C-alpha cells in the first residue's frame, strides 16, 4: 500500500511539473518574435540609407519620428557627413535630410540608397577645392553644413535633378561630367556646370 501511495505521489508531481515548464517550441519562438518587433518600424518613421563614397561607410537610420528629429541619429549623421579630409564635424540643418528622404520617394525609390559625394567642408577644404576644381563657390553652403552633393545608384542623375527641382525646397546644382547633383536649404535657385543650353535654366 505504501509503495502504491509513493508511486501516485510521484506521478502527481511529474504531472504538475509538465504544467510549470513551458513547451520548448514556445521558448524558441519568443526571441524570433521579439526580433521581428524590434525591426518593425512605425509608419511615421523617416529613414535615410546613405553611402559615403570617400570613406566607404554606410548608414541606415531613422532620423525623424513624426515631427520630432531624433537627436542621437542627427549626431550620427553629422559624424557620417564630416569633412573626410580633416575629420571635422559640424551639425547639419536637419531640413536637408527631409529633402533627401522626399527625393528618394520622388524618383520612385522611397528609402533608397543615396551615394554621398560631399557633405561638410571646412573653409580650408573649400579653398583647396576652389584652387583645383571648377564650380566650387567661395561661400559654399557646404561650409555651413547646409548642402550635400549626391547621386543615386540606378537612377539617372538628370532624372534626379528634375525631381529635386520639382521639390522647390532650396538650391539645386547639376554637375553632369562628375555625375552628381548639389542640394542645399538656401533660397530656391538652380545652376548647371558646363551644361548644354537646353538645360539652362531648366529643362
N, C-alpha and C. Protein backbone atom coordinates (compact mmCIF):
# COMPACT_ATOMS: atom_id res chain seq x y z
N UNK A 1 0.83 -1.21 0.00
CA UNK A 1 0.00 0.00 0.00
C UNK A 1 0.87 1.26 0.00
N UNK A 2 1.96 1.21 0.82
CA UNK A 2 2.88 2.35 0.88
C UNK A 2 3.52 2.61 -0.48
N UNK A 3 3.87 1.50 -1.15
CA UNK A 3 4.50 1.61 -2.47
C UNK A 3 3.55 2.24 -3.46
N UNK A 4 2.27 1.87 -3.40
CA UNK A 4 1.26 2.42 -4.30
C UNK A 4 1.08 3.92 -4.06
N UNK A 5 1.08 4.33 -2.79
CA UNK A 5 0.94 5.76 -2.46
C UNK A 5 2.15 6.55 -2.98
N UNK A 6 3.32 5.94 -2.82
CA UNK A 6 4.56 6.61 -3.27
C UNK A 6 4.53 6.83 -4.77
N UNK A 7 4.07 5.78 -5.51
CA UNK A 7 4.00 5.89 -6.96
C UNK A 7 2.99 6.95 -7.37
N UNK A 8 1.87 7.02 -6.70
CA UNK A 8 0.83 8.02 -7.01
C UNK A 8 1.34 9.43 -6.77
N UNK A 9 2.08 9.59 -5.69
CA UNK A 9 2.65 10.93 -5.38
C UNK A 9 3.64 11.35 -6.44
N UNK A 10 4.46 10.40 -6.87
CA UNK A 10 5.48 10.71 -7.88
C UNK A 10 4.82 11.10 -9.20
N UNK A 11 3.74 10.39 -9.56
CA UNK A 11 3.02 10.69 -10.80
C UNK A 11 2.39 12.07 -10.74
N UNK A 12 1.85 12.42 -9.57
CA UNK A 12 1.22 13.75 -9.39
C UNK A 12 2.24 14.86 -9.55
N UNK A 13 3.42 14.69 -8.93
CA UNK A 13 4.49 15.69 -9.02
C UNK A 13 4.97 15.84 -10.45
N UNK A 14 5.12 14.71 -11.13
CA UNK A 14 5.58 14.75 -12.52
C UNK A 14 4.57 15.47 -13.40
N UNK A 15 3.28 15.20 -13.15
CA UNK A 15 2.23 15.87 -13.94
C UNK A 15 2.22 17.36 -13.70
N UNK A 16 2.42 17.77 -12.45
CA UNK A 16 2.44 19.20 -12.12
C UNK A 16 3.60 19.90 -12.80
N UNK A 17 4.74 19.21 -12.84
CA UNK A 17 5.93 19.81 -13.45
C UNK A 17 5.73 20.07 -14.94
N UNK A 18 4.92 19.24 -15.59
CA UNK A 18 4.66 19.44 -17.01
C UNK A 18 3.95 20.77 -17.28
N UNK A 19 3.12 21.18 -16.35
CA UNK A 19 2.40 22.45 -16.49
C UNK A 19 3.28 23.64 -16.15
N UNK A 20 4.27 23.42 -15.26
CA UNK A 20 5.14 24.51 -14.82
C UNK A 20 6.20 24.84 -15.85
N UNK A 21 6.66 23.82 -16.61
CA UNK A 21 7.72 24.03 -17.59
C UNK A 21 7.10 24.37 -18.94
N UNK A 22 7.37 25.55 -19.54
CA UNK A 22 6.78 25.90 -20.83
C UNK A 22 7.31 25.01 -21.92
N UNK A 23 6.51 24.74 -22.93
CA UNK A 23 6.96 23.90 -24.05
C UNK A 23 8.19 24.50 -24.72
N UNK A 24 9.06 23.63 -25.21
CA UNK A 24 10.29 24.07 -25.87
C UNK A 24 9.97 24.96 -27.06
N UNK A 25 8.93 24.61 -27.85
CA UNK A 25 8.61 25.37 -29.04
C UNK A 25 8.20 26.79 -28.69
N UNK A 26 7.52 26.97 -27.54
CA UNK A 26 7.11 28.32 -27.14
C UNK A 26 8.31 29.16 -26.79
N UNK A 27 9.33 28.58 -26.15
CA UNK A 27 10.52 29.34 -25.76
C UNK A 27 11.33 29.76 -26.98
N UNK A 28 11.43 28.87 -27.95
CA UNK A 28 12.24 29.19 -29.12
C UNK A 28 11.56 30.22 -30.01
N UNK A 29 10.25 30.38 -29.91
CA UNK A 29 9.55 31.34 -30.74
C UNK A 29 9.65 32.76 -30.19
N UNK A 30 9.84 32.89 -28.89
CA UNK A 30 9.84 34.21 -28.27
C UNK A 30 10.95 35.13 -28.78
N UNK A 31 12.22 34.66 -28.83
CA UNK A 31 13.27 35.55 -29.35
C UNK A 31 13.01 35.99 -30.78
N UNK A 32 12.50 35.10 -31.62
CA UNK A 32 12.24 35.44 -33.01
C UNK A 32 11.17 36.51 -33.11
N UNK A 33 10.12 36.39 -32.31
CA UNK A 33 9.05 37.36 -32.31
C UNK A 33 9.57 38.71 -31.82
N UNK A 34 10.41 38.66 -30.77
CA UNK A 34 10.99 39.89 -30.24
C UNK A 34 11.82 40.59 -31.29
N UNK A 35 12.61 39.81 -32.06
CA UNK A 35 13.44 40.38 -33.11
C UNK A 35 12.60 41.04 -34.19
N UNK A 36 11.51 40.38 -34.55
CA UNK A 36 10.64 40.93 -35.58
C UNK A 36 10.04 42.26 -35.11
N UNK A 37 9.69 42.33 -33.83
CA UNK A 37 9.10 43.56 -33.32
C UNK A 37 10.10 44.70 -33.30
N UNK A 38 11.35 44.37 -32.91
CA UNK A 38 12.36 45.42 -32.82
C UNK A 38 12.74 45.95 -34.19
N UNK A 39 12.60 45.12 -35.23
CA UNK A 39 12.96 45.55 -36.58
C UNK A 39 11.78 46.15 -37.34
N UNK A 40 10.61 46.19 -36.69
CA UNK A 40 9.43 46.76 -37.33
C UNK A 40 9.35 48.24 -37.02
N UNK A 41 9.34 49.06 -38.05
CA UNK A 41 9.31 50.50 -37.85
C UNK A 41 7.88 51.00 -37.94
N UNK A 42 7.64 52.10 -37.26
CA UNK A 42 6.33 52.73 -37.29
C UNK A 42 6.15 53.50 -38.60
N UNK A 43 4.91 53.70 -38.97
CA UNK A 43 4.62 54.36 -40.25
C UNK A 43 5.08 55.81 -40.27
N UNK A 44 5.24 56.41 -39.07
CA UNK A 44 5.66 57.81 -39.05
C UNK A 44 7.17 57.97 -38.91
N UNK A 45 7.91 56.86 -39.03
CA UNK A 45 9.38 56.94 -39.01
C UNK A 45 9.89 57.40 -40.37
N UNK A 46 10.93 58.21 -40.34
CA UNK A 46 11.55 58.71 -41.58
C UNK A 46 12.98 58.18 -41.63
N UNK A 47 13.32 57.54 -42.76
CA UNK A 47 14.59 56.83 -42.90
C UNK A 47 15.55 57.54 -43.84
N UNK A 48 16.82 57.20 -43.66
CA UNK A 48 17.84 57.54 -44.65
C UNK A 48 18.80 56.36 -44.74
N UNK A 49 19.14 56.00 -45.96
CA UNK A 49 20.16 54.99 -46.23
C UNK A 49 21.21 55.66 -47.09
N UNK A 50 22.39 55.90 -46.50
CA UNK A 50 23.43 56.67 -47.17
C UNK A 50 24.73 55.88 -47.27
N UNK A 51 25.46 56.14 -48.36
CA UNK A 51 26.78 55.54 -48.55
C UNK A 51 27.76 56.67 -48.85
N UNK A 52 28.84 56.72 -48.08
CA UNK A 52 29.86 57.76 -48.27
C UNK A 52 30.91 57.26 -49.26
N UNK A 53 30.98 57.91 -50.42
CA UNK A 53 31.87 57.44 -51.49
C UNK A 53 33.35 57.62 -51.15
N UNK A 54 33.65 58.45 -50.16
CA UNK A 54 35.05 58.69 -49.81
C UNK A 54 35.53 57.78 -48.68
N UNK A 55 34.68 57.56 -47.69
CA UNK A 55 35.10 56.76 -46.54
C UNK A 55 34.68 55.30 -46.65
N UNK A 56 33.75 55.01 -47.57
CA UNK A 56 33.24 53.65 -47.69
C UNK A 56 32.26 53.27 -46.60
N UNK A 57 31.85 54.24 -45.79
CA UNK A 57 30.91 53.98 -44.70
C UNK A 57 29.47 54.00 -45.22
N UNK A 58 28.62 53.26 -44.52
CA UNK A 58 27.19 53.22 -44.87
C UNK A 58 26.39 53.41 -43.58
N UNK A 59 25.30 54.15 -43.67
CA UNK A 59 24.44 54.36 -42.51
C UNK A 59 22.98 54.18 -42.92
N UNK A 60 22.26 53.41 -42.12
CA UNK A 60 20.83 53.15 -42.34
C UNK A 60 20.15 53.54 -41.04
N UNK A 61 19.39 54.63 -41.04
CA UNK A 61 18.99 55.23 -39.77
C UNK A 61 17.61 55.87 -39.85
N UNK A 62 16.89 55.83 -38.74
CA UNK A 62 15.65 56.60 -38.57
C UNK A 62 16.06 57.94 -37.96
N UNK A 63 15.93 59.01 -38.73
CA UNK A 63 16.39 60.31 -38.26
C UNK A 63 15.26 61.17 -37.70
N UNK A 64 14.00 60.79 -38.00
CA UNK A 64 12.85 61.56 -37.50
C UNK A 64 11.69 60.64 -37.23
N UNK A 65 11.01 60.89 -36.12
CA UNK A 65 9.79 60.17 -35.78
C UNK A 65 8.65 61.18 -35.67
N UNK A 66 7.71 61.08 -36.59
CA UNK A 66 6.65 62.09 -36.64
C UNK A 66 7.26 63.44 -36.96
N UNK A 67 6.99 64.42 -36.12
CA UNK A 67 7.54 65.76 -36.33
C UNK A 67 8.81 66.00 -35.53
N UNK A 68 9.27 65.00 -34.81
CA UNK A 68 10.42 65.16 -33.92
C UNK A 68 11.67 64.49 -34.50
N UNK A 69 12.73 65.27 -34.66
CA UNK A 69 14.01 64.71 -35.07
C UNK A 69 14.61 63.93 -33.91
N UNK A 70 15.37 62.89 -34.24
CA UNK A 70 15.98 62.04 -33.22
C UNK A 70 17.41 62.55 -32.97
N UNK A 71 17.66 63.16 -31.80
CA UNK A 71 18.98 63.78 -31.54
C UNK A 71 20.16 62.84 -31.75
N UNK A 72 20.06 61.61 -31.26
CA UNK A 72 21.16 60.67 -31.41
C UNK A 72 21.43 60.35 -32.88
N UNK A 73 20.36 60.24 -33.65
CA UNK A 73 20.50 59.97 -35.08
C UNK A 73 21.15 61.15 -35.80
N UNK A 74 20.75 62.37 -35.42
CA UNK A 74 21.34 63.55 -36.04
C UNK A 74 22.84 63.63 -35.77
N UNK A 75 23.23 63.27 -34.54
CA UNK A 75 24.66 63.28 -34.19
C UNK A 75 25.43 62.26 -35.03
N UNK A 76 24.84 61.09 -35.26
CA UNK A 76 25.49 60.07 -36.08
C UNK A 76 25.60 60.53 -37.53
N UNK A 77 24.58 61.21 -38.02
CA UNK A 77 24.62 61.72 -39.39
C UNK A 77 25.66 62.82 -39.53
N UNK A 78 25.77 63.67 -38.52
CA UNK A 78 26.80 64.72 -38.54
C UNK A 78 28.19 64.11 -38.69
N UNK A 79 28.45 63.05 -37.93
CA UNK A 79 29.74 62.37 -38.00
C UNK A 79 29.93 61.71 -39.36
N UNK A 80 28.89 61.09 -39.86
CA UNK A 80 28.94 60.41 -41.15
C UNK A 80 29.26 61.40 -42.28
N UNK A 81 28.74 62.62 -42.17
CA UNK A 81 28.90 63.63 -43.22
C UNK A 81 30.07 64.57 -42.94
N UNK A 82 30.96 64.18 -42.07
CA UNK A 82 32.10 65.01 -41.70
C UNK A 82 32.98 65.32 -42.91
N UNK A 83 33.83 66.33 -42.76
CA UNK A 83 34.85 66.60 -43.78
C UNK A 83 35.85 65.44 -43.74
N UNK A 84 35.82 64.59 -44.75
CA UNK A 84 36.65 63.39 -44.70
C UNK A 84 38.14 63.69 -44.83
N UNK A 85 38.46 64.91 -45.26
CA UNK A 85 39.87 65.28 -45.39
C UNK A 85 40.47 65.67 -44.05
N UNK A 86 39.67 66.31 -43.19
CA UNK A 86 40.19 66.81 -41.91
C UNK A 86 39.60 66.08 -40.70
N UNK A 87 38.46 65.44 -40.89
CA UNK A 87 37.79 64.78 -39.77
C UNK A 87 36.89 65.72 -38.97
N UNK A 88 36.83 66.98 -39.38
CA UNK A 88 35.99 67.95 -38.66
C UNK A 88 34.51 67.64 -38.85
N UNK A 89 33.74 67.86 -37.78
CA UNK A 89 32.31 67.59 -37.78
C UNK A 89 31.56 68.88 -37.49
N UNK A 90 30.44 69.06 -38.18
CA UNK A 90 29.57 70.21 -37.90
C UNK A 90 28.11 69.76 -37.96
N UNK A 91 27.29 70.38 -37.15
CA UNK A 91 25.88 69.99 -37.11
C UNK A 91 25.16 70.44 -38.37
N UNK A 92 24.50 69.47 -39.05
CA UNK A 92 23.78 69.76 -40.28
C UNK A 92 22.37 70.26 -39.99
N UNK A 93 21.87 71.08 -40.90
CA UNK A 93 20.48 71.51 -40.84
C UNK A 93 19.63 70.28 -41.17
N UNK A 94 18.82 69.79 -40.23
CA UNK A 94 18.07 68.55 -40.47
C UNK A 94 17.03 68.66 -41.58
N UNK A 95 16.66 69.89 -41.99
CA UNK A 95 15.73 70.03 -43.10
C UNK A 95 16.31 69.40 -44.38
N UNK A 96 17.62 69.35 -44.44
CA UNK A 96 18.28 68.75 -45.59
C UNK A 96 17.97 67.25 -45.68
N UNK A 97 17.86 66.62 -44.52
CA UNK A 97 17.53 65.19 -44.51
C UNK A 97 16.11 64.95 -45.01
N UNK A 98 15.22 65.88 -44.71
CA UNK A 98 13.85 65.75 -45.21
C UNK A 98 13.82 65.84 -46.74
N UNK A 99 14.65 66.72 -47.28
CA UNK A 99 14.73 66.84 -48.74
C UNK A 99 15.25 65.54 -49.35
N UNK A 100 16.27 64.98 -48.74
CA UNK A 100 16.82 63.71 -49.25
C UNK A 100 15.77 62.61 -49.21
N UNK A 101 15.06 62.52 -48.10
CA UNK A 101 14.03 61.50 -47.96
C UNK A 101 12.93 61.67 -49.00
N UNK A 102 12.48 62.91 -49.18
CA UNK A 102 11.42 63.17 -50.16
C UNK A 102 11.92 62.95 -51.58
N UNK A 103 13.20 63.18 -51.81
CA UNK A 103 13.76 62.99 -53.15
C UNK A 103 13.73 61.51 -53.54
N UNK A 104 14.06 60.63 -52.60
CA UNK A 104 14.02 59.20 -52.91
C UNK A 104 12.61 58.76 -53.29
N UNK A 105 11.62 59.32 -52.62
CA UNK A 105 10.23 58.99 -52.95
C UNK A 105 9.85 59.57 -54.31
N UNK A 106 10.36 60.76 -54.62
CA UNK A 106 10.01 61.44 -55.87
C UNK A 106 10.53 60.69 -57.10
N UNK A 107 11.61 59.93 -56.94
CA UNK A 107 12.14 59.17 -58.08
C UNK A 107 11.69 57.70 -58.04
N UNK A 108 10.72 57.41 -57.18
CA UNK A 108 10.18 56.07 -57.11
C UNK A 108 10.98 55.08 -56.31
N UNK A 109 11.93 55.56 -55.49
CA UNK A 109 12.74 54.69 -54.65
C UNK A 109 12.68 55.15 -53.19
N UNK A 110 11.50 55.15 -52.58
CA UNK A 110 11.40 55.63 -51.19
C UNK A 110 12.34 54.86 -50.27
N UNK A 111 13.19 55.60 -49.57
CA UNK A 111 14.16 54.96 -48.68
C UNK A 111 15.34 54.35 -49.39
N UNK A 112 15.47 54.60 -50.71
CA UNK A 112 16.57 54.05 -51.50
C UNK A 112 17.92 54.61 -51.09
N UNK A 113 18.96 53.86 -51.41
CA UNK A 113 20.31 54.29 -51.02
C UNK A 113 20.76 55.50 -51.81
N UNK A 114 21.42 56.42 -51.11
CA UNK A 114 21.97 57.64 -51.70
C UNK A 114 23.47 57.62 -51.53
N UNK A 115 24.20 57.86 -52.62
CA UNK A 115 25.66 57.99 -52.55
C UNK A 115 26.00 59.44 -52.22
N UNK A 116 26.72 59.64 -51.12
CA UNK A 116 27.14 60.98 -50.72
C UNK A 116 28.51 61.28 -51.32
N UNK A 117 28.55 62.29 -52.18
CA UNK A 117 29.80 62.71 -52.82
C UNK A 117 30.52 63.75 -51.96
N UNK A 118 29.74 64.62 -51.32
CA UNK A 118 30.33 65.63 -50.45
C UNK A 118 29.30 66.08 -49.42
N UNK A 119 29.72 66.15 -48.17
CA UNK A 119 28.89 66.66 -47.09
C UNK A 119 29.46 67.97 -46.57
N UNK A 120 29.92 67.93 -45.33
CA UNK A 120 30.50 69.13 -44.73
C UNK A 120 31.90 69.39 -45.27
N UNK A 121 32.23 70.69 -45.44
CA UNK A 121 33.59 71.10 -45.81
C UNK A 121 34.03 72.20 -44.86
N UNK A 122 35.23 72.11 -44.37
CA UNK A 122 35.82 73.22 -43.64
C UNK A 122 36.16 74.32 -44.65
N UNK A 123 36.39 75.51 -44.14
CA UNK A 123 36.77 76.62 -45.03
C UNK A 123 38.05 76.31 -45.78
N UNK A 124 39.00 75.67 -45.10
CA UNK A 124 40.28 75.34 -45.74
C UNK A 124 40.10 74.31 -46.84
N UNK A 125 39.25 73.33 -46.61
CA UNK A 125 38.97 72.33 -47.64
C UNK A 125 38.30 72.98 -48.83
N UNK A 126 37.37 73.88 -48.57
CA UNK A 126 36.66 74.56 -49.65
C UNK A 126 37.62 75.39 -50.50
N UNK A 127 38.55 76.08 -49.83
CA UNK A 127 39.53 76.89 -50.57
C UNK A 127 40.45 76.01 -51.40
N UNK A 128 40.82 74.87 -50.86
CA UNK A 128 41.67 73.94 -51.61
C UNK A 128 40.95 73.42 -52.85
N UNK A 129 39.67 73.10 -52.70
CA UNK A 129 38.89 72.63 -53.85
C UNK A 129 38.73 73.73 -54.89
N UNK A 130 38.54 74.96 -54.42
CA UNK A 130 38.42 76.09 -55.36
C UNK A 130 39.68 76.28 -56.18
N UNK A 131 40.80 75.99 -55.57
CA UNK A 131 42.08 76.18 -56.25
C UNK A 131 42.35 75.10 -57.30
N UNK A 132 41.70 73.96 -57.16
CA UNK A 132 42.00 72.84 -58.06
C UNK A 132 40.80 72.33 -58.84
N UNK A 133 39.60 72.87 -58.56
CA UNK A 133 38.39 72.37 -59.19
C UNK A 133 37.49 73.52 -59.61
N UNK A 134 36.80 73.37 -60.72
CA UNK A 134 35.84 74.38 -61.14
C UNK A 134 34.48 74.13 -60.49
N UNK A 135 33.69 75.19 -60.38
CA UNK A 135 32.33 75.04 -59.88
C UNK A 135 32.20 75.02 -58.37
N UNK A 136 33.25 75.44 -57.64
CA UNK A 136 33.18 75.48 -56.18
C UNK A 136 33.00 76.93 -55.74
N UNK A 137 31.89 77.22 -55.07
CA UNK A 137 31.58 78.59 -54.64
C UNK A 137 32.45 78.99 -53.45
N UNK A 138 32.83 80.27 -53.43
CA UNK A 138 33.66 80.78 -52.33
C UNK A 138 32.96 80.65 -50.99
N UNK A 139 31.67 80.99 -50.98
CA UNK A 139 30.89 80.91 -49.75
C UNK A 139 29.91 79.73 -49.82
N UNK A 140 30.43 78.59 -50.18
CA UNK A 140 29.60 77.40 -50.35
C UNK A 140 28.83 77.06 -49.07
N UNK A 141 27.59 76.63 -49.25
CA UNK A 141 26.78 76.22 -48.11
C UNK A 141 27.27 74.90 -47.50
N UNK A 142 28.20 74.23 -48.18
CA UNK A 142 28.83 73.06 -47.57
C UNK A 142 29.57 73.48 -46.30
N UNK A 143 30.11 74.68 -46.29
CA UNK A 143 30.85 75.19 -45.13
C UNK A 143 29.92 75.37 -43.94
N UNK A 144 28.65 75.66 -44.21
CA UNK A 144 27.66 75.85 -43.16
C UNK A 144 26.92 74.55 -42.80
N UNK A 145 27.33 73.45 -43.41
CA UNK A 145 26.64 72.16 -43.23
C UNK A 145 25.18 72.28 -43.63
N UNK A 146 24.96 72.95 -44.75
CA UNK A 146 23.61 73.13 -45.27
C UNK A 146 23.49 72.64 -46.71
N UNK A 147 24.44 71.83 -47.14
CA UNK A 147 24.44 71.34 -48.53
C UNK A 147 25.05 69.94 -48.59
N UNK A 148 24.58 69.17 -49.58
CA UNK A 148 25.10 67.83 -49.83
C UNK A 148 25.15 67.60 -51.33
N UNK A 149 26.24 67.00 -51.81
CA UNK A 149 26.34 66.55 -53.20
C UNK A 149 26.09 65.06 -53.21
N UNK A 150 25.31 64.59 -54.19
CA UNK A 150 24.89 63.20 -54.16
C UNK A 150 24.52 62.66 -55.53
N UNK A 151 24.39 61.35 -55.58
CA UNK A 151 23.81 60.63 -56.71
C UNK A 151 23.09 59.42 -56.13
N UNK A 152 22.28 58.75 -56.95
CA UNK A 152 21.60 57.54 -56.50
C UNK A 152 21.90 56.39 -57.45
N UNK A 153 22.39 55.27 -56.95
CA UNK A 153 22.66 54.12 -57.82
C UNK A 153 21.39 53.68 -58.55
N UNK A 154 21.52 53.51 -59.87
CA UNK A 154 20.40 53.04 -60.66
C UNK A 154 19.43 54.12 -61.10
N UNK A 155 19.67 55.35 -60.67
CA UNK A 155 18.81 56.47 -61.06
C UNK A 155 19.61 57.45 -61.90
N UNK A 156 19.13 57.75 -63.10
CA UNK A 156 19.80 58.73 -63.95
C UNK A 156 19.89 60.06 -63.22
N UNK A 157 21.07 60.66 -63.21
CA UNK A 157 21.28 61.88 -62.43
C UNK A 157 20.48 63.05 -62.97
N UNK A 158 20.21 63.06 -64.27
CA UNK A 158 19.36 64.11 -64.83
C UNK A 158 17.94 63.98 -64.29
N UNK A 159 17.47 62.73 -64.17
CA UNK A 159 16.15 62.49 -63.58
C UNK A 159 16.13 62.95 -62.13
N UNK A 160 17.23 62.70 -61.43
CA UNK A 160 17.36 63.10 -60.03
C UNK A 160 17.29 64.63 -59.92
N UNK A 161 17.95 65.29 -60.85
CA UNK A 161 17.93 66.76 -60.86
C UNK A 161 16.52 67.29 -61.07
N UNK A 162 15.80 66.71 -62.03
CA UNK A 162 14.43 67.16 -62.31
C UNK A 162 13.54 66.99 -61.08
N UNK A 163 13.70 65.85 -60.40
CA UNK A 163 12.90 65.61 -59.20
C UNK A 163 13.24 66.61 -58.10
N UNK A 164 14.52 66.94 -57.96
CA UNK A 164 14.93 67.91 -56.95
C UNK A 164 14.39 69.30 -57.27
N UNK A 165 14.41 69.67 -58.56
CA UNK A 165 13.86 70.97 -58.96
C UNK A 165 12.37 71.04 -58.67
N UNK A 166 11.67 69.93 -58.89
CA UNK A 166 10.22 69.90 -58.66
C UNK A 166 9.88 70.07 -57.18
N UNK A 167 10.77 69.64 -56.30
CA UNK A 167 10.53 69.81 -54.87
C UNK A 167 10.57 71.28 -54.46
N UNK A 168 11.40 72.07 -55.17
CA UNK A 168 11.50 73.53 -54.92
C UNK A 168 11.72 73.83 -53.44
N UNK A 169 12.72 73.18 -52.85
CA UNK A 169 12.96 73.34 -51.42
C UNK A 169 14.32 73.97 -51.11
N UNK A 170 15.03 74.43 -52.15
CA UNK A 170 16.34 75.01 -51.93
C UNK A 170 17.12 75.04 -53.22
N UNK A 171 18.44 75.17 -53.12
CA UNK A 171 19.28 75.22 -54.31
C UNK A 171 19.52 73.84 -54.89
N UNK A 172 19.56 73.79 -56.23
CA UNK A 172 19.85 72.53 -56.93
C UNK A 172 20.91 72.80 -58.00
N UNK A 173 22.04 72.17 -57.87
CA UNK A 173 23.09 72.28 -58.88
C UNK A 173 23.25 70.95 -59.59
N UNK A 174 23.63 71.03 -60.86
CA UNK A 174 23.79 69.80 -61.66
C UNK A 174 25.19 69.78 -62.25
N UNK A 175 25.91 68.68 -62.02
CA UNK A 175 27.27 68.52 -62.49
C UNK A 175 27.35 67.24 -63.32
N UNK A 176 26.94 67.33 -64.59
CA UNK A 176 26.82 66.11 -65.40
C UNK A 176 28.14 65.37 -65.64
N UNK A 177 29.25 66.10 -65.75
CA UNK A 177 30.52 65.44 -66.03
C UNK A 177 31.04 64.66 -64.82
N UNK A 178 30.68 65.13 -63.64
CA UNK A 178 31.04 64.40 -62.42
C UNK A 178 29.91 63.50 -61.94
N UNK A 179 28.76 63.60 -62.61
CA UNK A 179 27.60 62.75 -62.35
C UNK A 179 27.09 62.86 -60.91
N UNK A 180 26.78 64.10 -60.50
CA UNK A 180 26.12 64.28 -59.21
C UNK A 180 25.31 65.57 -59.22
N UNK A 181 24.41 65.69 -58.24
CA UNK A 181 23.68 66.94 -58.06
C UNK A 181 24.01 67.50 -56.68
N UNK A 182 23.84 68.80 -56.56
CA UNK A 182 24.02 69.50 -55.30
C UNK A 182 22.65 69.88 -54.78
N UNK A 183 22.43 69.68 -53.48
CA UNK A 183 21.19 70.12 -52.83
C UNK A 183 21.55 70.95 -51.61
N UNK A 184 20.80 72.02 -51.38
CA UNK A 184 21.00 72.80 -50.16
C UNK A 184 19.68 73.38 -49.67
N UNK A 185 19.70 73.93 -48.47
CA UNK A 185 18.49 74.51 -47.88
C UNK A 185 18.48 76.03 -47.99
N UNK A 186 19.27 76.57 -48.91
CA UNK A 186 19.26 78.00 -49.17
C UNK A 186 18.03 78.40 -49.98
N UNK A 187 18.10 79.58 -50.57
CA UNK A 187 16.96 80.04 -51.38
C UNK A 187 16.80 79.14 -52.60
N UNK A 188 15.60 79.10 -53.13
CA UNK A 188 15.32 78.27 -54.31
C UNK A 188 16.01 78.87 -55.52
N UNK A 189 16.90 78.10 -56.14
CA UNK A 189 17.65 78.54 -57.31
C UNK A 189 18.24 77.29 -57.96
N UNK A 190 18.83 77.47 -59.13
CA UNK A 190 19.41 76.33 -59.82
C UNK A 190 20.58 76.77 -60.68
N UNK A 191 21.47 75.85 -60.94
CA UNK A 191 22.58 76.10 -61.86
C UNK A 191 23.05 74.76 -62.43
N UNK A 192 23.82 74.86 -63.49
CA UNK A 192 24.30 73.66 -64.19
C UNK A 192 25.70 73.96 -64.71
N UNK A 193 26.67 73.11 -64.34
CA UNK A 193 28.05 73.35 -64.73
C UNK A 193 28.37 72.68 -66.06
N UNK A 194 28.78 73.52 -67.04
CA UNK A 194 29.14 73.02 -68.38
C UNK A 194 28.02 72.21 -69.01
N UNK A 195 26.81 72.73 -68.90
CA UNK A 195 25.65 72.03 -69.45
C UNK A 195 25.26 72.61 -70.80
N UNK A 196 24.59 71.83 -71.63
CA UNK A 196 24.07 72.36 -72.89
C UNK A 196 23.01 73.42 -72.61
N UNK A 197 22.82 74.31 -73.56
CA UNK A 197 21.88 75.42 -73.39
C UNK A 197 20.48 74.93 -73.04
N UNK A 198 20.12 73.77 -73.53
CA UNK A 198 18.77 73.24 -73.28
C UNK A 198 18.50 72.99 -71.80
N UNK A 199 19.57 72.87 -70.98
CA UNK A 199 19.39 72.61 -69.57
C UNK A 199 19.53 73.86 -68.72
N UNK A 200 19.65 75.00 -69.33
CA UNK A 200 19.83 76.26 -68.60
C UNK A 200 18.70 77.22 -68.98
N UNK A 201 17.91 77.72 -67.98
CA UNK A 201 18.00 77.44 -66.56
C UNK A 201 17.31 76.15 -66.13
N UNK A 202 16.45 75.60 -67.00
CA UNK A 202 15.76 74.36 -66.64
C UNK A 202 15.44 73.59 -67.91
N UNK A 203 14.83 72.43 -67.76
CA UNK A 203 14.53 71.64 -68.93
C UNK A 203 13.06 71.21 -68.89
